[in-house]
PDB file of N, CA and C in Angstrom:
ATOM      1  N   MET A   1      19.890   5.659 -15.750  1.00  0.00           N
ATOM      2  CA  MET A   1      20.279   6.282 -16.988  1.00  0.00           C
ATOM      3  C   MET A   1      19.244   5.933 -18.049  1.00  0.00           C
ATOM      4  N   ALA A   2      18.948   6.908 -18.924  1.00  0.00           N
ATOM      5  CA  ALA A   2      17.993   6.711 -20.003  1.00  0.00           C
ATOM      6  C   ALA A   2      18.618   7.173 -21.311  1.00  0.00           C
ATOM      7  N   TYR A   3      18.012   6.736 -22.405  1.00  0.00           N
ATOM      8  CA  TYR A   3      18.466   7.156 -23.733  1.00  0.00           C
ATOM      9  C   TYR A   3      17.396   8.012 -24.378  1.00  0.00           C
ATOM     10  N   GLU A   4      17.799   8.884 -25.292  1.00  0.00           N
ATOM     11  CA  GLU A   4      16.889   9.865 -25.861  1.00  0.00           C
ATOM     12  C   GLU A   4      15.715   9.253 -26.612  1.00  0.00           C
ATOM     13  N   ASP A   5      15.802   8.001 -27.018  1.00  0.00           N
ATOM     14  CA  ASP A   5      14.686   7.377 -27.724  1.00  0.00           C
ATOM     15  C   ASP A   5      13.838   6.483 -26.814  1.00  0.00           C
ATOM     16  N   ASP A   6      14.116   6.471 -25.507  1.00  0.00           N
ATOM     17  CA  ASP A   6      13.295   5.715 -24.553  1.00  0.00           C
ATOM     18  C   ASP A   6      11.930   6.377 -24.420  1.00  0.00           C
ATOM     19  N   HIS A   7      10.896   5.567 -24.254  1.00  0.00           N
ATOM     20  CA  HIS A   7       9.557   6.093 -24.022  1.00  0.00           C
ATOM     21  C   HIS A   7       9.463   6.603 -22.585  1.00  0.00           C
ATOM     22  N   ILE A   8       8.743   7.689 -22.395  1.00  0.00           N
ATOM     23  CA  ILE A   8       8.649   8.311 -21.069  1.00  0.00           C
ATOM     24  C   ILE A   8       8.107   7.348 -20.010  1.00  0.00           C
ATOM     25  N   VAL A   9       7.220   6.445 -20.396  1.00  0.00           N
ATOM     26  CA  VAL A   9       6.638   5.503 -19.436  1.00  0.00           C
ATOM     27  C   VAL A   9       7.703   4.571 -18.861  1.00  0.00           C
ATOM     28  N   ALA A  10       8.755   4.297 -19.613  1.00  0.00           N
ATOM     29  CA  ALA A  10       9.833   3.430 -19.121  1.00  0.00           C
ATOM     30  C   ALA A  10      10.583   4.056 -17.951  1.00  0.00           C
ATOM     31  N   LEU A  11      10.446   5.371 -17.781  1.00  0.00           N
ATOM     32  CA  LEU A  11      11.153   6.068 -16.707  1.00  0.00           C
ATOM     33  C   LEU A  11      10.390   6.053 -15.385  1.00  0.00           C
ATOM     34  N   VAL A  12       9.110   5.696 -15.428  1.00  0.00           N
ATOM     35  CA  VAL A  12       8.282   5.720 -14.215  1.00  0.00           C
ATOM     36  C   VAL A  12       8.889   4.885 -13.091  1.00  0.00           C
ATOM     37  N   PRO A  13       9.271   3.625 -13.322  1.00  0.00           N
ATOM     38  CA  PRO A  13       9.840   2.847 -12.204  1.00  0.00           C
ATOM     39  C   PRO A  13      11.107   3.464 -11.614  1.00  0.00           C
ATOM     40  N   MET A  14      11.928   4.061 -12.456  1.00  0.00           N
ATOM     41  CA  MET A  14      13.164   4.657 -11.945  1.00  0.00           C
ATOM     42  C   MET A  14      12.875   5.853 -11.043  1.00  0.00           C
ATOM     43  N   LEU A  15      11.875   6.650 -11.437  1.00  0.00           N
ATOM     44  CA  LEU A  15      11.577   7.856 -10.673  1.00  0.00           C
ATOM     45  C   LEU A  15      10.584   7.622  -9.539  1.00  0.00           C
ATOM     46  N   SER A  16       9.984   6.456  -9.485  1.00  0.00           N
ATOM     47  CA  SER A  16       9.056   6.195  -8.383  1.00  0.00           C
ATOM     48  C   SER A  16       9.599   5.096  -7.471  1.00  0.00           C
ATOM     49  N   ASP A  17       9.735   3.896  -7.992  1.00  0.00           N
ATOM     50  CA  ASP A  17      10.152   2.763  -7.169  1.00  0.00           C
ATOM     51  C   ASP A  17      11.586   2.874  -6.659  1.00  0.00           C
ATOM     52  N   GLN A  18      12.481   3.381  -7.507  1.00  0.00           N
ATOM     53  CA  GLN A  18      13.889   3.466  -7.120  1.00  0.00           C
ATOM     54  C   GLN A  18      14.211   4.752  -6.361  1.00  0.00           C
ATOM     55  N   GLY A  19      13.266   5.675  -6.301  1.00  0.00           N
ATOM     56  CA  GLY A  19      13.458   6.892  -5.522  1.00  0.00           C
ATOM     57  C   GLY A  19      14.392   7.920  -6.140  1.00  0.00           C
ATOM     58  N   LEU A  20      14.671   7.788  -7.428  1.00  0.00           N
ATOM     59  CA  LEU A  20      15.526   8.789  -8.084  1.00  0.00           C
ATOM     60  C   LEU A  20      14.729  10.076  -8.290  1.00  0.00           C
ATOM     61  N   HIS A  21      15.408  11.209  -8.261  1.00  0.00           N
ATOM     62  CA  HIS A  21      14.755  12.497  -8.466  1.00  0.00           C
ATOM     63  C   HIS A  21      15.049  13.070  -9.843  1.00  0.00           C
ATOM     64  N   HIS A  22      16.069  12.551 -10.477  1.00  0.00           N
ATOM     65  CA  HIS A  22      16.424  12.971 -11.839  1.00  0.00           C
ATOM     66  C   HIS A  22      17.187  11.840 -12.521  1.00  0.00           C
ATOM     67  N   ILE A  23      17.103  11.822 -13.864  1.00  0.00           N
ATOM     68  CA  ILE A  23      17.763  10.775 -14.638  1.00  0.00           C
ATOM     69  C   ILE A  23      18.514  11.433 -15.791  1.00  0.00           C
ATOM     70  N   PRO A  24      19.809  11.163 -15.933  1.00  0.00           N
ATOM     71  CA  PRO A  24      20.536  11.681 -17.095  1.00  0.00           C
ATOM     72  C   PRO A  24      20.057  10.979 -18.366  1.00  0.00           C
ATOM     73  N   VAL A  25      19.990  11.735 -19.459  1.00  0.00           N
ATOM     74  CA  VAL A  25      19.563  11.198 -20.750  1.00  0.00           C
ATOM     75  C   VAL A  25      20.745  11.263 -21.707  1.00  0.00           C
ATOM     76  N   LEU A  26      21.065  10.120 -22.324  1.00  0.00           N
ATOM     77  CA  LEU A  26      22.209  10.016 -23.224  1.00  0.00           C
ATOM     78  C   LEU A  26      21.746   9.772 -24.656  1.00  0.00           C
ATOM     79  N   ASP A  27      22.589  10.186 -25.613  1.00  0.00           N
ATOM     80  CA  ASP A  27      22.320   9.867 -27.016  1.00  0.00           C
ATOM     81  C   ASP A  27      23.040   8.566 -27.383  1.00  0.00           C
ATOM     82  N   ALA A  28      22.982   8.188 -28.643  1.00  0.00           N
ATOM     83  CA  ALA A  28      23.575   6.922 -29.096  1.00  0.00           C
ATOM     84  C   ALA A  28      25.093   6.884 -28.902  1.00  0.00           C
ATOM     85  N   GLN A  29      25.730   8.046 -28.831  1.00  0.00           N
ATOM     86  CA  GLN A  29      27.179   8.122 -28.629  1.00  0.00           C
ATOM     87  C   GLN A  29      27.546   8.252 -27.148  1.00  0.00           C
ATOM     88  N   GLN A  30      26.570   7.999 -26.267  1.00  0.00           N
ATOM     89  CA  GLN A  30      26.773   8.066 -24.819  1.00  0.00           C
ATOM     90  C   GLN A  30      27.073   9.482 -24.328  1.00  0.00           C
ATOM     91  N   GLN A  31      26.635  10.493 -25.084  1.00  0.00           N
ATOM     92  CA  GLN A  31      26.822  11.887 -24.689  1.00  0.00           C
ATOM     93  C   GLN A  31      25.572  12.375 -23.959  1.00  0.00           C
ATOM     94  N   LEU A  32      25.764  13.145 -22.910  1.00  0.00           N
ATOM     95  CA  LEU A  32      24.646  13.692 -22.163  1.00  0.00           C
ATOM     96  C   LEU A  32      23.882  14.692 -23.029  1.00  0.00           C
ATOM     97  N   VAL A  33      22.574  14.473 -23.159  1.00  0.00           N
ATOM     98  CA  VAL A  33      21.747  15.398 -23.949  1.00  0.00           C
ATOM     99  C   VAL A  33      20.665  16.057 -23.103  1.00  0.00           C
ATOM    100  N   GLY A  34      20.529  15.639 -21.852  1.00  0.00           N
ATOM    101  CA  GLY A  34      19.537  16.259 -20.982  1.00  0.00           C
ATOM    102  C   GLY A  34      19.363  15.497 -19.689  1.00  0.00           C
ATOM    103  N   ILE A  35      18.448  16.026 -18.883  1.00  0.00           N
ATOM    104  CA  ILE A  35      18.111  15.408 -17.609  1.00  0.00           C
ATOM    105  C   ILE A  35      16.590  15.449 -17.462  1.00  0.00           C
ATOM    106  N   ILE A  36      16.002  14.317 -17.081  1.00  0.00           N
ATOM    107  CA  ILE A  36      14.572  14.231 -16.826  1.00  0.00           C
ATOM    108  C   ILE A  36      14.371  14.240 -15.317  1.00  0.00           C
ATOM    109  N   THR A  37      13.480  15.094 -14.840  1.00  0.00           N
ATOM    110  CA  THR A  37      13.169  15.154 -13.414  1.00  0.00           C
ATOM    111  C   THR A  37      11.800  14.539 -13.150  1.00  0.00           C
ATOM    112  N   GLN A  38      11.495  14.351 -11.876  1.00  0.00           N
ATOM    113  CA  GLN A  38      10.173  13.852 -11.509  1.00  0.00           C
ATOM    114  C   GLN A  38       9.091  14.793 -12.027  1.00  0.00           C
ATOM    115  N   SER A  39       9.322  16.086 -11.939  1.00  0.00           N
ATOM    116  CA  SER A  39       8.349  17.070 -12.425  1.00  0.00           C
ATOM    117  C   SER A  39       8.148  16.954 -13.928  1.00  0.00           C
ATOM    118  N   ASP A  40       9.218  16.714 -14.664  1.00  0.00           N
ATOM    119  CA  ASP A  40       9.109  16.515 -16.115  1.00  0.00           C
ATOM    120  C   ASP A  40       8.228  15.315 -16.424  1.00  0.00           C
ATOM    121  N   LEU A  41       8.434  14.237 -15.684  1.00  0.00           N
ATOM    122  CA  LEU A  41       7.656  13.020 -15.902  1.00  0.00           C
ATOM    123  C   LEU A  41       6.174  13.258 -15.634  1.00  0.00           C
ATOM    124  N   ILE A  42       5.867  13.893 -14.529  1.00  0.00           N
ATOM    125  CA  ILE A  42       4.469  14.170 -14.192  1.00  0.00           C
ATOM    126  C   ILE A  42       3.828  15.046 -15.256  1.00  0.00           C
ATOM    127  N   ALA A  43       4.523  16.086 -15.696  1.00  0.00           N
ATOM    128  CA  ALA A  43       3.981  16.985 -16.716  1.00  0.00           C
ATOM    129  C   ALA A  43       3.740  16.236 -18.031  1.00  0.00           C
ATOM    130  N   ALA A  44       4.669  15.391 -18.434  1.00  0.00           N
ATOM    131  CA  ALA A  44       4.529  14.652 -19.688  1.00  0.00           C
ATOM    132  C   ALA A  44       3.348  13.685 -19.635  1.00  0.00           C
ATOM    133  N   LEU A  45       3.210  12.987 -18.522  1.00  0.00           N
ATOM    134  CA  LEU A  45       2.094  12.055 -18.388  1.00  0.00           C
ATOM    135  C   LEU A  45       0.767  12.795 -18.320  1.00  0.00           C
ATOM    136  N   PHE A  46       0.717  13.924 -17.637  1.00  0.00           N
ATOM    137  CA  PHE A  46      -0.495  14.723 -17.554  1.00  0.00           C
ATOM    138  C   PHE A  46      -0.886  15.266 -18.936  1.00  0.00           C
ATOM    139  N   ASN A  47       0.096  15.804 -19.643  1.00  0.00           N
ATOM    140  CA  ASN A  47      -0.171  16.371 -20.963  1.00  0.00           C
ATOM    141  C   ASN A  47      -0.599  15.304 -21.971  1.00  0.00           C
ATOM    142  N   SER A  48      -0.096  14.099 -21.823  1.00  0.00           N
ATOM    143  CA  SER A  48      -0.488  13.038 -22.745  1.00  0.00           C
ATOM    144  C   SER A  48      -1.943  12.628 -22.516  1.00  0.00           C
ATOM    145  N   LYS A  49      -2.434  12.793 -21.307  1.00  0.00           N
ATOM    146  CA  LYS A  49      -3.844  12.489 -21.001  1.00  0.00           C
ATOM    147  C   LYS A  49      -4.779  13.521 -21.610  1.00  0.00           C
ATOM    148  N   LEU A  50      -4.295  14.744 -21.829  1.00  0.00           N
ATOM    149  CA  LEU A  50      -5.118  15.805 -22.394  1.00  0.00           C
ATOM    150  C   LEU A  50      -5.268  15.692 -23.889  1.00  0.00           C
ATOM    151  N   ALA A  51      -4.321  15.018 -24.531  1.00  0.00           N
ATOM    152  CA  ALA A  51      -4.342  14.935 -25.992  1.00  0.00           C
ATOM    153  C   ALA A  51      -5.317  13.907 -26.506  1.00  0.00           C
TER     154      ALA A  51
END
């Protein structure tokens, strides 16, 4: 589980080492606000290298 203000790099171990394919994202009130997938993580890290 991740929170909306977590940095994307903090999700790398969950999506690589732990073998998860998606992670629910919660807000401060513990409400679901989205889902991050492995593809989302790769795209975000790739795009950050271009900037």
